[in-house]
């Protein structure tokens, strides 16, 4: 709370970690996943996940610190908490799938 603006920016960059390090080639891969899902089955709604992740990535690059006010930041943090829980569920599902695949290889 009493730190410098540069320290706050450094802390935000640290907390965002991987999200700020997304390369354009990785973003291209995300867009390609969404496109492939649409080609296979236009009714498959999973492409929305990749499109929303792309939108979040670009929003992070465009929103400036002065754009953030207390109310907006509070709303974002509530929503990101829910989103984090959903993403954690996806991660756990992937880990279980990989664990099962390793058992089959033994």
PDB file of N, CA and C in Angstrom:
ATOM      1  N   UNK A   1       0.820  -1.197   0.000  1.00  0.00           N
ATOM      2  CA  UNK A   1       0.000   0.000   0.000  1.00  0.00           C
ATOM      3  C   UNK A   1       0.862   1.257   0.000  1.00  0.00           C
ATOM      4  N   UNK A   2       1.996   1.233   0.697  1.00  0.00           N
ATOM      5  CA  UNK A   2       2.813   2.431   0.805  1.00  0.00           C
ATOM      6  C   UNK A   2       4.028   2.385  -0.107  1.00  0.00           C
ATOM      7  N   UNK A   3       4.108   1.382  -0.983  1.00  0.00           N
ATOM      8  CA  UNK A   3       5.244   1.244  -1.875  1.00  0.00           C
ATOM      9  C   UNK A   3       5.176   2.223  -3.031  1.00  0.00           C
ATOM     10  N   UNK A   4       6.271   2.261  -3.785  1.00  0.00           N
ATOM     11  CA  UNK A   4       6.327   3.150  -4.941  1.00  0.00           C
ATOM     12  C   UNK A   4       5.509   2.572  -6.098  1.00  0.00           C
ATOM     13  N   UNK A   5       5.239   3.429  -7.054  1.00  0.00           N
ATOM     14  CA  UNK A   5       4.489   2.988  -8.223  1.00  0.00           C
ATOM     15  C   UNK A   5       5.285   1.932  -8.991  1.00  0.00           C
ATOM     16  N   UNK A   6       6.593   2.097  -9.088  1.00  0.00           N
ATOM     17  CA  UNK A   6       7.427   1.113  -9.781  1.00  0.00           C
ATOM     18  C   UNK A   6       7.417  -0.231  -9.063  1.00  0.00           C
ATOM     19  N   UNK A   7       7.429  -0.193  -7.727  1.00  0.00           N
ATOM     20  CA  UNK A   7       7.370  -1.441  -6.966  1.00  0.00           C
ATOM     21  C   UNK A   7       6.038  -2.147  -7.190  1.00  0.00           C
ATOM     22  N   UNK A   8       4.965  -1.370  -7.251  1.00  0.00           N
ATOM     23  CA  UNK A   8       3.648  -1.945  -7.516  1.00  0.00           C
ATOM     24  C   UNK A   8       3.607  -2.583  -8.902  1.00  0.00           C
ATOM     25  N   UNK A   9       4.130  -1.890  -9.894  1.00  0.00           N
ATOM     26  CA  UNK A   9       4.172  -2.458 -11.255  1.00  0.00           C
ATOM     27  C   UNK A   9       4.983  -3.749 -11.279  1.00  0.00           C
ATOM     28  N   UNK A  10       6.134  -3.742 -10.605  1.00  0.00           N
ATOM     29  CA  UNK A  10       6.965  -4.944 -10.556  1.00  0.00           C
ATOM     30  C   UNK A  10       6.212  -6.091  -9.895  1.00  0.00           C
ATOM     31  N   UNK A  11       5.471  -5.796  -8.845  1.00  0.00           N
ATOM     32  CA  UNK A  11       4.694  -6.831  -8.149  1.00  0.00           C
ATOM     33  C   UNK A  11       3.588  -7.382  -9.044  1.00  0.00           C
ATOM     34  N   UNK A  12       2.907  -6.501  -9.770  1.00  0.00           N
ATOM     35  CA  UNK A  12       1.862  -6.939 -10.692  1.00  0.00           C
ATOM     36  C   UNK A  12       2.468  -7.817 -11.782  1.00  0.00           C
ATOM     37  N   UNK A  13       3.614  -7.413 -12.342  1.00  0.00           N
ATOM     38  CA  UNK A  13       4.277  -8.237 -13.364  1.00  0.00           C
ATOM     39  C   UNK A  13       4.651  -9.595 -12.788  1.00  0.00           C
ATOM     40  N   UNK A  14       5.129  -9.603 -11.545  1.00  0.00           N
ATOM     41  CA  UNK A  14       5.493 -10.857 -10.891  1.00  0.00           C
ATOM     42  C   UNK A  14       4.277 -11.758 -10.714  1.00  0.00           C
ATOM     43  N   UNK A  15       3.151 -11.163 -10.258  1.00  0.00           N
ATOM     44  CA  UNK A  15       1.936 -11.946 -10.041  1.00  0.00           C
ATOM     45  C   UNK A  15       1.367 -12.487 -11.344  1.00  0.00           C
ATOM     46  N   UNK A  16       1.459 -11.692 -12.415  1.00  0.00           N
ATOM     47  CA  UNK A  16       0.933 -12.136 -13.700  1.00  0.00           C
ATOM     48  C   UNK A  16       1.852 -13.139 -14.369  1.00  0.00           C
ATOM     49  N   UNK A  17       3.117 -13.086 -14.052  1.00  0.00           N
ATOM     50  CA  UNK A  17       4.109 -14.059 -14.499  1.00  0.00           C
ATOM     51  C   UNK A  17       3.916 -14.568 -15.895  1.00  0.00           C
ATOM     52  N   UNK A  18       3.378 -15.766 -16.019  1.00  0.00           N
ATOM     53  CA  UNK A  18       3.223 -16.426 -17.308  1.00  0.00           C
ATOM     54  C   UNK A  18       2.348 -15.625 -18.258  1.00  0.00           C
ATOM     55  N   UNK A  19       1.327 -14.993 -17.727  1.00  0.00           N
ATOM     56  CA  UNK A  19       0.395 -14.284 -18.591  1.00  0.00           C
ATOM     57  C   UNK A  19       1.067 -13.150 -19.338  1.00  0.00           C
ATOM     58  N   UNK A  20       2.038 -12.478 -18.726  1.00  0.00           N
ATOM     59  CA  UNK A  20       2.717 -11.378 -19.408  1.00  0.00           C
ATOM     60  C   UNK A  20       3.774 -11.900 -20.355  1.00  0.00           C
ATOM     61  N   UNK A  21       4.144 -13.177 -20.244  1.00  0.00           N
ATOM     62  CA  UNK A  21       5.177 -13.729 -21.097  1.00  0.00           C
ATOM     63  C   UNK A  21       4.634 -14.489 -22.301  1.00  0.00           C
ATOM     64  N   UNK A  22       3.389 -14.311 -22.635  1.00  0.00           N
ATOM     65  CA  UNK A  22       2.802 -15.013 -23.770  1.00  0.00           C
ATOM     66  C   UNK A  22       3.343 -14.407 -25.050  1.00  0.00           C
ATOM     67  N   UNK A  23       3.922 -15.250 -25.886  1.00  0.00           N
ATOM     68  CA  UNK A  23       4.488 -14.764 -27.144  1.00  0.00           C
ATOM     69  C   UNK A  23       3.419 -14.731 -28.223  1.00  0.00           C
ATOM     70  N   UNK A  24       3.740 -14.023 -29.307  1.00  0.00           N
ATOM     71  CA  UNK A  24       2.778 -13.956 -30.410  1.00  0.00           C
ATOM     72  C   UNK A  24       2.592 -15.333 -31.047  1.00  0.00           C
ATOM     73  N   UNK A  25       3.639 -16.158 -31.046  1.00  0.00           N
ATOM     74  CA  UNK A  25       3.483 -17.505 -31.611  1.00  0.00           C
ATOM     75  C   UNK A  25       2.566 -18.361 -30.740  1.00  0.00           C
ATOM     76  N   UNK A  26       2.643 -18.184 -29.423  1.00  0.00           N
ATOM     77  CA  UNK A  26       1.739 -18.910 -28.533  1.00  0.00           C
ATOM     78  C   UNK A  26       0.301 -18.425 -28.716  1.00  0.00           C
ATOM     79  N   UNK A  27       0.127 -17.133 -28.916  1.00  0.00           N
ATOM     80  CA  UNK A  27      -1.208 -16.592 -29.139  1.00  0.00           C
ATOM     81  C   UNK A  27      -1.750 -17.094 -30.476  1.00  0.00           C
ATOM     82  N   UNK A  28      -0.883 -17.213 -31.467  1.00  0.00           N
ATOM     83  CA  UNK A  28      -1.303 -17.766 -32.760  1.00  0.00           C
ATOM     84  C   UNK A  28      -1.790 -19.201 -32.592  1.00  0.00           C
ATOM     85  N   UNK A  29      -1.121 -19.961 -31.732  1.00  0.00           N
ATOM     86  CA  UNK A  29      -1.533 -21.348 -31.474  1.00  0.00           C
ATOM     87  C   UNK A  29      -2.906 -21.388 -30.827  1.00  0.00           C
ATOM     88  N   UNK A  30      -3.194 -20.448 -29.942  1.00  0.00           N
ATOM     89  CA  UNK A  30      -4.509 -20.382 -29.294  1.00  0.00           C
ATOM     90  C   UNK A  30      -5.588 -20.096 -30.334  1.00  0.00           C
ATOM     91  N   UNK A  31      -5.323 -19.135 -31.213  1.00  0.00           N
ATOM     92  CA  UNK A  31      -6.282 -18.789 -32.267  1.00  0.00           C
ATOM     93  C   UNK A  31      -6.484 -19.991 -33.184  1.00  0.00           C
ATOM     94  N   UNK A  32      -5.413 -20.704 -33.477  1.00  0.00           N
ATOM     95  CA  UNK A  32      -5.499 -21.880 -34.346  1.00  0.00           C
ATOM     96  C   UNK A  32      -6.356 -22.972 -33.697  1.00  0.00           C
ATOM     97  N   UNK A  33      -6.237 -23.166 -32.380  1.00  0.00           N
ATOM     98  CA  UNK A  33      -7.075 -24.152 -31.688  1.00  0.00           C
ATOM     99  C   UNK A  33      -8.551 -23.807 -31.846  1.00  0.00           C
ATOM    100  N   UNK A  34      -8.880 -22.544 -31.668  1.00  0.00           N
ATOM    101  CA  UNK A  34     -10.274 -22.120 -31.812  1.00  0.00           C
ATOM    102  C   UNK A  34     -10.757 -22.361 -33.236  1.00  0.00           C
ATOM    103  N   UNK A  35      -9.932 -22.008 -34.214  1.00  0.00           N
ATOM    104  CA  UNK A  35     -10.305 -22.211 -35.618  1.00  0.00           C
ATOM    105  C   UNK A  35     -10.497 -23.688 -35.943  1.00  0.00           C
ATOM    106  N   UNK A  36      -9.611 -24.541 -35.421  1.00  0.00           N
ATOM    107  CA  UNK A  36      -9.716 -25.984 -35.676  1.00  0.00           C
ATOM    108  C   UNK A  36     -11.007 -26.547 -35.093  1.00  0.00           C
ATOM    109  N   UNK A  37     -11.362 -26.116 -33.903  1.00  0.00           N
ATOM    110  CA  UNK A  37     -12.613 -26.590 -33.285  1.00  0.00           C
ATOM    111  C   UNK A  37     -13.813 -26.197 -34.136  1.00  0.00           C
ATOM    112  N   UNK A  38     -13.787 -25.000 -34.677  1.00  0.00           N
ATOM    113  CA  UNK A  38     -14.899 -24.544 -35.519  1.00  0.00           C
ATOM    114  C   UNK A  38     -14.967 -25.320 -36.831  1.00  0.00           C
ATOM    115  N   UNK A  39     -13.793 -25.677 -37.380  1.00  0.00           N
ATOM    116  CA  UNK A  39     -13.773 -26.437 -38.634  1.00  0.00           C
ATOM    117  C   UNK A  39     -14.326 -27.840 -38.430  1.00  0.00           C
ATOM    118  N   UNK A  40     -13.968 -28.472 -37.316  1.00  0.00           N
ATOM    119  CA  UNK A  40     -14.410 -29.834 -37.040  1.00  0.00           C
ATOM    120  C   UNK A  40     -15.906 -29.867 -36.772  1.00  0.00           C
ATOM    121  N   UNK A  41     -16.374 -28.945 -35.928  1.00  0.00           N
ATOM    122  CA  UNK A  41     -17.788 -28.921 -35.565  1.00  0.00           C
ATOM    123  C   UNK A  41     -18.191 -27.483 -35.235  1.00  0.00           C
ATOM    124  N   UNK A  42     -18.832 -26.797 -36.177  1.00  0.00           N
ATOM    125  CA  UNK A  42     -19.222 -25.406 -35.937  1.00  0.00           C
ATOM    126  C   UNK A  42     -20.130 -25.229 -34.716  1.00  0.00           C
ATOM    127  N   UNK A  43     -20.788 -26.275 -34.272  1.00  0.00           N
ATOM    128  CA  UNK A  43     -21.654 -26.201 -33.101  1.00  0.00           C
ATOM    129  C   UNK A  43     -20.915 -26.412 -31.786  1.00  0.00           C
ATOM    130  N   UNK A  44     -19.640 -26.784 -31.860  1.00  0.00           N
ATOM    131  CA  UNK A  44     -18.827 -27.025 -30.667  1.00  0.00           C
ATOM    132  C   UNK A  44     -18.489 -25.679 -30.028  1.00  0.00           C
ATOM    133  N   UNK A  45     -18.961 -25.476 -28.821  1.00  0.00           N
ATOM    134  CA  UNK A  45     -18.796 -24.177 -28.161  1.00  0.00           C
ATOM    135  C   UNK A  45     -17.473 -24.033 -27.411  1.00  0.00           C
ATOM    136  N   UNK A  46     -16.619 -25.067 -27.445  1.00  0.00           N
ATOM    137  CA  UNK A  46     -15.346 -24.968 -26.736  1.00  0.00           C
ATOM    138  C   UNK A  46     -14.443 -23.884 -27.322  1.00  0.00           C
ATOM    139  N   UNK A  47     -14.681 -23.488 -28.563  1.00  0.00           N
ATOM    140  CA  UNK A  47     -13.853 -22.440 -29.162  1.00  0.00           C
ATOM    141  C   UNK A  47     -13.999 -21.130 -28.399  1.00  0.00           C
ATOM    142  N   UNK A  48     -15.137 -20.929 -27.711  1.00  0.00           N
ATOM    143  CA  UNK A  48     -15.331 -19.706 -26.928  1.00  0.00           C
ATOM    144  C   UNK A  48     -14.272 -19.561 -25.835  1.00  0.00           C
ATOM    145  N   UNK A  49     -13.841 -20.681 -25.255  1.00  0.00           N
ATOM    146  CA  UNK A  49     -12.807 -20.637 -24.232  1.00  0.00           C
ATOM    147  C   UNK A  49     -11.552 -19.972 -24.784  1.00  0.00           C
ATOM    148  N   UNK A  50     -11.094 -20.443 -25.931  1.00  0.00           N
ATOM    149  CA  UNK A  50      -9.860 -19.905 -26.511  1.00  0.00           C
ATOM    150  C   UNK A  50     -10.031 -18.461 -26.963  1.00  0.00           C
ATOM    151  N   UNK A  51     -11.187 -18.140 -27.479  1.00  0.00           N
ATOM    152  CA  UNK A  51     -11.434 -16.771 -27.908  1.00  0.00           C
ATOM    153  C   UNK A  51     -11.474 -15.817 -26.718  1.00  0.00           C
ATOM    154  N   UNK A  52     -12.054 -16.251 -25.608  1.00  0.00           N
ATOM    155  CA  UNK A  52     -12.090 -15.395 -24.416  1.00  0.00           C
ATOM    156  C   UNK A  52     -10.699 -15.243 -23.804  1.00  0.00           C
ATOM    157  N   UNK A  53      -9.921 -16.316 -23.817  1.00  0.00           N
ATOM    158  CA  UNK A  53      -8.549 -16.214 -23.308  1.00  0.00           C
ATOM    159  C   UNK A  53      -7.746 -15.231 -24.163  1.00  0.00           C
ATOM    160  N   UNK A  54      -7.953 -15.274 -25.457  1.00  0.00           N
ATOM    161  CA  UNK A  54      -7.264 -14.328 -26.342  1.00  0.00           C
ATOM    162  C   UNK A  54      -7.700 -12.900 -26.021  1.00  0.00           C
ATOM    163  N   UNK A  55      -8.984 -12.712 -25.790  1.00  0.00           N
ATOM    164  CA  UNK A  55      -9.501 -11.380 -25.478  1.00  0.00           C
ATOM    165  C   UNK A  55      -8.901 -10.859 -24.174  1.00  0.00           C
ATOM    166  N   UNK A  56      -8.780 -11.727 -23.177  1.00  0.00           N
ATOM    167  CA  UNK A  56      -8.150 -11.339 -21.913  1.00  0.00           C
ATOM    168  C   UNK A  56      -6.691 -10.939 -22.112  1.00  0.00           C
ATOM    169  N   UNK A  57      -5.988 -11.703 -22.929  1.00  0.00           N
ATOM    170  CA  UNK A  57      -4.583 -11.400 -23.203  1.00  0.00           C
ATOM    171  C   UNK A  57      -4.441 -10.011 -23.817  1.00  0.00           C
ATOM    172  N   UNK A  58      -5.242  -9.724 -24.826  1.00  0.00           N
ATOM    173  CA  UNK A  58      -5.147  -8.413 -25.476  1.00  0.00           C
ATOM    174  C   UNK A  58      -5.609  -7.291 -24.548  1.00  0.00           C
ATOM    175  N   UNK A  59      -6.589  -7.555 -23.708  1.00  0.00           N
ATOM    176  CA  UNK A  59      -7.031  -6.540 -22.753  1.00  0.00           C
ATOM    177  C   UNK A  59      -5.907  -6.201 -21.783  1.00  0.00           C
ATOM    178  N   UNK A  60      -5.168  -7.215 -21.345  1.00  0.00           N
ATOM    179  CA  UNK A  60      -4.052  -6.973 -20.431  1.00  0.00           C
ATOM    180  C   UNK A  60      -3.011  -6.069 -21.072  1.00  0.00           C
ATOM    181  N   UNK A  61      -2.819  -6.202 -22.350  1.00  0.00           N
ATOM    182  CA  UNK A  61      -1.823  -5.386 -23.039  1.00  0.00           C
ATOM    183  C   UNK A  61      -2.312  -3.966 -23.275  1.00  0.00           C
ATOM    184  N   UNK A  62      -3.617  -3.757 -23.332  1.00  0.00           N
ATOM    185  CA  UNK A  62      -4.152  -2.446 -23.683  1.00  0.00           C
ATOM    186  C   UNK A  62      -4.570  -1.611 -22.480  1.00  0.00           C
ATOM    187  N   UNK A  63      -4.985  -2.229 -21.402  1.00  0.00           N
ATOM    188  CA  UNK A  63      -5.468  -1.484 -20.237  1.00  0.00           C
ATOM    189  C   UNK A  63      -4.275  -0.900 -19.485  1.00  0.00           C
ATOM    190  N   UNK A  64      -4.335   0.383 -19.223  1.00  0.00           N
ATOM    191  CA  UNK A  64      -3.284   1.088 -18.508  1.00  0.00           C
ATOM    192  C   UNK A  64      -3.649   1.187 -17.025  1.00  0.00           C
ATOM    193  N   UNK A  65      -2.650   1.294 -16.154  1.00  0.00           N
ATOM    194  CA  UNK A  65      -2.941   1.388 -14.714  1.00  0.00           C
ATOM    195  C   UNK A  65      -3.929   2.499 -14.373  1.00  0.00           C
ATOM    196  N   UNK A  66      -3.875   3.617 -15.075  1.00  0.00           N
ATOM    197  CA  UNK A  66      -4.799   4.712 -14.786  1.00  0.00           C
ATOM    198  C   UNK A  66      -6.233   4.393 -15.201  1.00  0.00           C
ATOM    199  N   UNK A  67      -6.427   3.331 -15.984  1.00  0.00           N
ATOM    200  CA  UNK A  67      -7.773   2.899 -16.357  1.00  0.00           C
ATOM    201  C   UNK A  67      -8.467   2.152 -15.210  1.00  0.00           C
ATOM    202  N   UNK A  68      -7.683   1.681 -14.256  1.00  0.00           N
ATOM    203  CA  UNK A  68      -8.214   0.862 -13.171  1.00  0.00           C
ATOM    204  C   UNK A  68      -8.624   1.734 -11.993  1.00  0.00           C
ATOM    205  N   UNK A  69      -9.870   1.605 -11.586  1.00  0.00           N
ATOM    206  CA  UNK A  69     -10.320   2.271 -10.371  1.00  0.00           C
ATOM    207  C   UNK A  69     -10.670   1.198  -9.344  1.00  0.00           C
ATOM    208  N   UNK A  70     -10.950   1.612  -8.125  1.00  0.00           N
ATOM    209  CA  UNK A  70     -11.199   0.643  -7.050  1.00  0.00           C
ATOM    210  C   UNK A  70     -12.378  -0.277  -7.347  1.00  0.00           C
ATOM    211  N   UNK A  71     -13.468   0.292  -7.844  1.00  0.00           N
ATOM    212  CA  UNK A  71     -14.662  -0.521  -8.109  1.00  0.00           C
ATOM    213  C   UNK A  71     -14.394  -1.525  -9.235  1.00  0.00           C
ATOM    214  N   UNK A  72     -13.756  -1.077 -10.302  1.00  0.00           N
ATOM    215  CA  UNK A  72     -13.446  -1.971 -11.413  1.00  0.00           C
ATOM    216  C   UNK A  72     -12.471  -3.062 -11.013  1.00  0.00           C
ATOM    217  N   UNK A  73     -11.472  -2.687 -10.228  1.00  0.00           N
ATOM    218  CA  UNK A  73     -10.494  -3.663  -9.767  1.00  0.00           C
ATOM    219  C   UNK A  73     -11.136  -4.694  -8.846  1.00  0.00           C
ATOM    220  N   UNK A  74     -12.025  -4.239  -7.969  1.00  0.00           N
ATOM    221  CA  UNK A  74     -12.718  -5.164  -7.074  1.00  0.00           C
ATOM    222  C   UNK A  74     -13.592  -6.143  -7.872  1.00  0.00           C
ATOM    223  N   UNK A  75     -14.309  -5.636  -8.859  1.00  0.00           N
ATOM    224  CA  UNK A  75     -15.147  -6.501  -9.699  1.00  0.00           C
ATOM    225  C   UNK A  75     -14.288  -7.500 -10.467  1.00  0.00           C
ATOM    226  N   UNK A  76     -13.163  -7.024 -10.980  1.00  0.00           N
ATOM    227  CA  UNK A  76     -12.266  -7.912 -11.717  1.00  0.00           C
ATOM    228  C   UNK A  76     -11.712  -9.004 -10.810  1.00  0.00           C
ATOM    229  N   UNK A  77     -11.320  -8.645  -9.611  1.00  0.00           N
ATOM    230  CA  UNK A  77     -10.744  -9.626  -8.699  1.00  0.00           C
ATOM    231  C   UNK A  77     -11.772 -10.685  -8.284  1.00  0.00           C
ATOM    232  N   UNK A  78     -13.030 -10.285  -8.087  1.00  0.00           N
ATOM    233  CA  UNK A  78     -14.079 -11.275  -7.781  1.00  0.00           C
ATOM    234  C   UNK A  78     -14.242 -12.242  -8.944  1.00  0.00           C
ATOM    235  N   UNK A  79     -14.310 -11.695 -10.158  1.00  0.00           N
ATOM    236  CA  UNK A  79     -14.489 -12.537 -11.343  1.00  0.00           C
ATOM    237  C   UNK A  79     -13.261 -13.412 -11.588  1.00  0.00           C
ATOM    238  N   UNK A  80     -12.067 -12.861 -11.373  1.00  0.00           N
ATOM    239  CA  UNK A  80     -10.853 -13.639 -11.624  1.00  0.00           C
ATOM    240  C   UNK A  80     -10.708 -14.765 -10.602  1.00  0.00           C
ATOM    241  N   UNK A  81     -11.235 -14.562  -9.390  1.00  0.00           N
ATOM    242  CA  UNK A  81     -11.207 -15.618  -8.396  1.00  0.00           C
ATOM    243  C   UNK A  81     -12.047 -16.804  -8.870  1.00  0.00           C
ATOM    244  N   UNK A  82     -13.226 -16.522  -9.382  1.00  0.00           N
ATOM    245  CA  UNK A  82     -14.077 -17.590  -9.921  1.00  0.00           C
ATOM    246  C   UNK A  82     -13.410 -18.250 -11.123  1.00  0.00           C
ATOM    247  N   UNK A  83     -12.834 -17.435 -11.996  1.00  0.00           N
ATOM    248  CA  UNK A  83     -12.150 -17.965 -13.180  1.00  0.00           C
ATOM    249  C   UNK A  83     -10.964 -18.833 -12.771  1.00  0.00           C
ATOM    250  N   UNK A  84     -10.224 -18.405 -11.771  1.00  0.00           N
ATOM    251  CA  UNK A  84      -9.088 -19.196 -11.291  1.00  0.00           C
ATOM    252  C   UNK A  84      -9.538 -20.566 -10.804  1.00  0.00           C
ATOM    253  N   UNK A  85     -10.665 -20.611 -10.122  1.00  0.00           N
ATOM    254  CA  UNK A  85     -11.187 -21.895  -9.650  1.00  0.00           C
ATOM    255  C   UNK A  85     -11.549 -22.816 -10.813  1.00  0.00           C
ATOM    256  N   UNK A  86     -12.137 -22.270 -11.850  1.00  0.00           N
ATOM    257  CA  UNK A  86     -12.489 -23.069 -13.032  1.00  0.00           C
ATOM    258  C   UNK A  86     -11.215 -23.564 -13.729  1.00  0.00           C
ATOM    259  N   UNK A  87     -10.239 -22.664 -13.892  1.00  0.00           N
ATOM    260  CA  UNK A  87      -8.979 -23.056 -14.532  1.00  0.00           C
ATOM    261  C   UNK A  87      -8.258 -24.128 -13.718  1.00  0.00           C
ATOM    262  N   UNK A  88      -8.334 -24.026 -12.399  1.00  0.00           N
ATOM    263  CA  UNK A  88      -7.740 -25.045 -11.539  1.00  0.00           C
ATOM    264  C   UNK A  88      -8.406 -26.400 -11.780  1.00  0.00           C
ATOM    265  N   UNK A  89      -9.716 -26.386 -11.953  1.00  0.00           N
ATOM    266  CA  UNK A  89     -10.433 -27.624 -12.266  1.00  0.00           C
ATOM    267  C   UNK A  89      -9.958 -28.244 -13.571  1.00  0.00           C
ATOM    268  N   UNK A  90      -9.736 -27.396 -14.590  1.00  0.00           N
ATOM    269  CA  UNK A  90      -9.210 -27.892 -15.870  1.00  0.00           C
ATOM    270  C   UNK A  90      -7.824 -28.499 -15.672  1.00  0.00           C
ATOM    271  N   UNK A  91      -7.004 -27.821 -14.871  1.00  0.00           N
ATOM    272  CA  UNK A  91      -5.648 -28.307 -14.620  1.00  0.00           C
ATOM    273  C   UNK A  91      -5.665 -29.655 -13.915  1.00  0.00           C
ATOM    274  N   UNK A  92      -6.535 -29.797 -12.930  1.00  0.00           N
ATOM    275  CA  UNK A  92      -6.630 -31.070 -12.205  1.00  0.00           C
ATOM    276  C   UNK A  92      -7.116 -32.192 -13.130  1.00  0.00           C
ATOM    277  N   UNK A  93      -8.051 -31.868 -13.997  1.00  0.00           N
ATOM    278  CA  UNK A  93      -8.547 -32.856 -14.957  1.00  0.00           C
ATOM    279  C   UNK A  93      -7.413 -33.306 -15.893  1.00  0.00           C
ATOM    280  N   UNK A  94      -6.604 -32.340 -16.355  1.00  0.00           N
ATOM    281  CA  UNK A  94      -5.477 -32.672 -17.231  1.00  0.00           C
ATOM    282  C   UNK A  94      -4.469 -33.546 -16.500  1.00  0.00           C
ATOM    283  N   UNK A  95      -4.170 -33.196 -15.244  1.00  0.00           N
ATOM    284  CA  UNK A  95      -3.212 -33.989 -14.461  1.00  0.00           C
ATOM    285  C   UNK A  95      -3.700 -35.416 -14.273  1.00  0.00           C
ATOM    286  N   UNK A  96      -4.988 -35.578 -14.001  1.00  0.00           N
ATOM    287  CA  UNK A  96      -5.548 -36.924 -13.845  1.00  0.00           C
ATOM    288  C   UNK A  96      -5.436 -37.706 -15.152  1.00  0.00           C
ATOM    289  N   UNK A  97      -5.712 -37.043 -16.258  1.00  0.00           N
ATOM    290  CA  UNK A  97      -5.612 -37.696 -17.562  1.00  0.00           C
ATOM    291  C   UNK A  97      -4.167 -38.128 -17.830  1.00  0.00           C
ATOM    292  N   UNK A  98      -3.198 -37.246 -17.538  1.00  0.00           N
ATOM    293  CA  UNK A  98      -1.784 -37.572 -17.745  1.00  0.00           C
ATOM    294  C   UNK A  98      -1.325 -38.680 -16.815  1.00  0.00           C
ATOM    295  N   UNK A  99      -1.823 -38.661 -15.580  1.00  0.00           N
ATOM    296  CA  UNK A  99      -1.480 -39.703 -14.619  1.00  0.00           C
ATOM    297  C   UNK A  99      -1.981 -41.054 -15.112  1.00  0.00           C
ATOM    298  N   UNK A 100      -3.206 -41.078 -15.641  1.00  0.00           N
ATOM    299  CA  UNK A 100      -3.755 -42.315 -16.198  1.00  0.00           C
ATOM    300  C   UNK A 100      -2.962 -42.804 -17.403  1.00  0.00           C
ATOM    301  N   UNK A 101      -2.509 -41.860 -18.228  1.00  0.00           N
ATOM    302  CA  UNK A 101      -1.718 -42.233 -19.409  1.00  0.00           C
ATOM    303  C   UNK A 101      -0.376 -42.810 -18.992  1.00  0.00           C
ATOM    304  N   UNK A 102       0.229 -42.274 -17.931  1.00  0.00           N
ATOM    305  CA  UNK A 102       1.516 -42.805 -17.453  1.00  0.00           C
ATOM    306  C   UNK A 102       1.341 -44.214 -16.898  1.00  0.00           C
ATOM    307  N   UNK A 103       0.217 -44.458 -16.218  1.00  0.00           N
ATOM    308  CA  UNK A 103      -0.040 -45.799 -15.694  1.00  0.00           C
ATOM    309  C   UNK A 103      -0.166 -46.821 -16.822  1.00  0.00           C
ATOM    310  N   UNK A 104      -0.765 -46.390 -17.929  1.00  0.00           N
ATOM    311  CA  UNK A 104      -0.913 -47.304 -19.068  1.00  0.00           C
ATOM    312  C   UNK A 104       0.427 -47.619 -19.721  1.00  0.00           C
ATOM    313  N   UNK A 105       1.380 -46.706 -19.618  1.00  0.00           N
ATOM    314  CA  UNK A 105       2.689 -46.909 -20.235  1.00  0.00           C
ATOM    315  C   UNK A 105       3.576 -47.852 -19.424  1.00  0.00           C
ATOM    316  N   UNK A 106       3.266 -48.035 -18.152  1.00  0.00           N
ATOM    317  CA  UNK A 106       4.105 -48.868 -17.276  1.00  0.00           C
ATOM    318  C   UNK A 106       3.876 -50.308 -17.501  1.00  0.00           C
TER     319      UNK A 106
END
